[in-house]
Amino acid sequence: MASLSPDLDIALTQLTERLLTQDQTYAETYVMAKGQLYRTELHLCPVPPHELPADL
């Protein structure tokens, strides 16, 4: 599993921490990128350590 970018990893980690602080595991919103609207969804699913990819 390759990281998309360190900045994206940081942003997703911060979003995850904010959601969990509010006891939420799901978020949905709309964003504009490159002149097009996108629906974005984030689902947080706990993963047991033994299921983590070897290259993490």
C-alpha atoms as a PDB file:
ATOM      1  CA  MET A   1       0.000   0.000   0.000  1.00  0.00           C
ATOM      2  CA  ALA A   2       1.697   3.141  -1.176  1.00  0.00           C
ATOM      3  CA  SER A   3       1.014   6.542   0.289  1.00  0.00           C
ATOM      4  CA  LEU A   4      -0.485   9.071  -2.123  1.00  0.00           C
ATOM      5  CA  SER A   5       1.480  11.901  -0.569  1.00  0.00           C
ATOM      6  CA  PRO A   6       2.667  12.915   2.896  1.00  0.00           C
ATOM      7  CA  ASP A   7       0.412  16.007   2.816  1.00  0.00           C
ATOM      8  CA  LEU A   8      -2.645  13.902   2.028  1.00  0.00           C
ATOM      9  CA  ASP A   9      -1.763  11.427   4.784  1.00  0.00           C
ATOM     10  CA  ILE A  10      -1.535  14.314   7.276  1.00  0.00           C
ATOM     11  CA  ALA A  11      -4.835  15.843   6.121  1.00  0.00           C
ATOM     12  CA  LEU A  12      -6.666  12.505   6.374  1.00  0.00           C
ATOM     13  CA  THR A  13      -5.168  11.820   9.792  1.00  0.00           C
ATOM     14  CA  GLN A  14      -6.319  15.232  11.034  1.00  0.00           C
ATOM     15  CA  LEU A  15      -9.818  14.679   9.610  1.00  0.00           C
ATOM     16  CA  THR A  16      -9.953  11.236  11.230  1.00  0.00           C
ATOM     17  CA  GLU A  17      -8.951  12.662  14.615  1.00  0.00           C
ATOM     18  CA  ARG A  18     -11.625  15.372  14.362  1.00  0.00           C
ATOM     19  CA  LEU A  19     -14.337  12.882  13.465  1.00  0.00           C
ATOM     20  CA  LEU A  20     -13.394  10.485  16.239  1.00  0.00           C
ATOM     21  CA  THR A  21     -13.277  13.355  18.747  1.00  0.00           C
ATOM     22  CA  GLN A  22     -16.950  13.904  17.864  1.00  0.00           C
ATOM     23  CA  ASP A  23     -17.696  10.149  18.041  1.00  0.00           C
ATOM     24  CA  GLN A  24     -18.321  10.044  14.279  1.00  0.00           C
ATOM     25  CA  THR A  25     -17.078   7.407  11.857  1.00  0.00           C
ATOM     26  CA  TYR A  26     -18.683   8.766   8.659  1.00  0.00           C
ATOM     27  CA  ALA A  27     -18.610  12.074   6.812  1.00  0.00           C
ATOM     28  CA  GLU A  28     -20.108  13.165   3.496  1.00  0.00           C
ATOM     29  CA  THR A  29     -19.767  16.489   1.745  1.00  0.00           C
ATOM     30  CA  TYR A  30     -19.387  18.101  -1.683  1.00  0.00           C
ATOM     31  CA  VAL A  31     -16.197  19.687  -2.933  1.00  0.00           C
ATOM     32  CA  MET A  32     -15.186  21.606  -6.035  1.00  0.00           C
ATOM     33  CA  ALA A  33     -11.986  20.538  -7.785  1.00  0.00           C
ATOM     34  CA  LYS A  34     -10.769  21.397 -11.281  1.00  0.00           C
ATOM     35  CA  GLY A  35     -14.116  22.995 -12.117  1.00  0.00           C
ATOM     36  CA  GLN A  36     -16.230  19.971 -11.190  1.00  0.00           C
ATOM     37  CA  LEU A  37     -18.284  19.086  -8.119  1.00  0.00           C
ATOM     38  CA  TYR A  38     -17.541  15.818  -6.361  1.00  0.00           C
ATOM     39  CA  ARG A  39     -19.345  14.070  -3.546  1.00  0.00           C
ATOM     40  CA  THR A  40     -16.820  12.866  -1.007  1.00  0.00           C
ATOM     41  CA  GLU A  41     -17.407  10.206   1.616  1.00  0.00           C
ATOM     42  CA  LEU A  42     -15.183   9.019   4.413  1.00  0.00           C
ATOM     43  CA  HIS A  43     -15.894   5.832   6.362  1.00  0.00           C
ATOM     44  CA  LEU A  44     -13.710   4.989   9.336  1.00  0.00           C
ATOM     45  CA  CYS A  45     -13.458   1.254   9.909  1.00  0.00           C
ATOM     46  CA  PRO A  46     -11.252  -0.135  12.686  1.00  0.00           C
ATOM     47  CA  VAL A  47      -8.648  -2.589  11.395  1.00  0.00           C
ATOM     48  CA  PRO A  48      -7.083  -5.267  13.620  1.00  0.00           C
ATOM     49  CA  PRO A  49      -3.255  -5.128  13.540  1.00  0.00           C
ATOM     50  CA  HIS A  50      -3.008  -8.567  11.914  1.00  0.00           C
ATOM     51  CA  GLU A  51      -4.978  -7.274   8.887  1.00  0.00           C
ATOM     52  CA  LEU A  52      -2.598  -4.382   8.149  1.00  0.00           C
ATOM     53  CA  PRO A  53      -0.708  -4.544   4.835  1.00  0.00           C
ATOM     54  CA  ALA A  54       2.892  -5.690   5.174  1.00  0.00           C
ATOM     55  CA  ASP A  55       4.191  -2.571   3.414  1.00  0.00           C
ATOM     56  CA  LEU A  56       2.492  -0.109   5.758  1.00  0.00           C
END
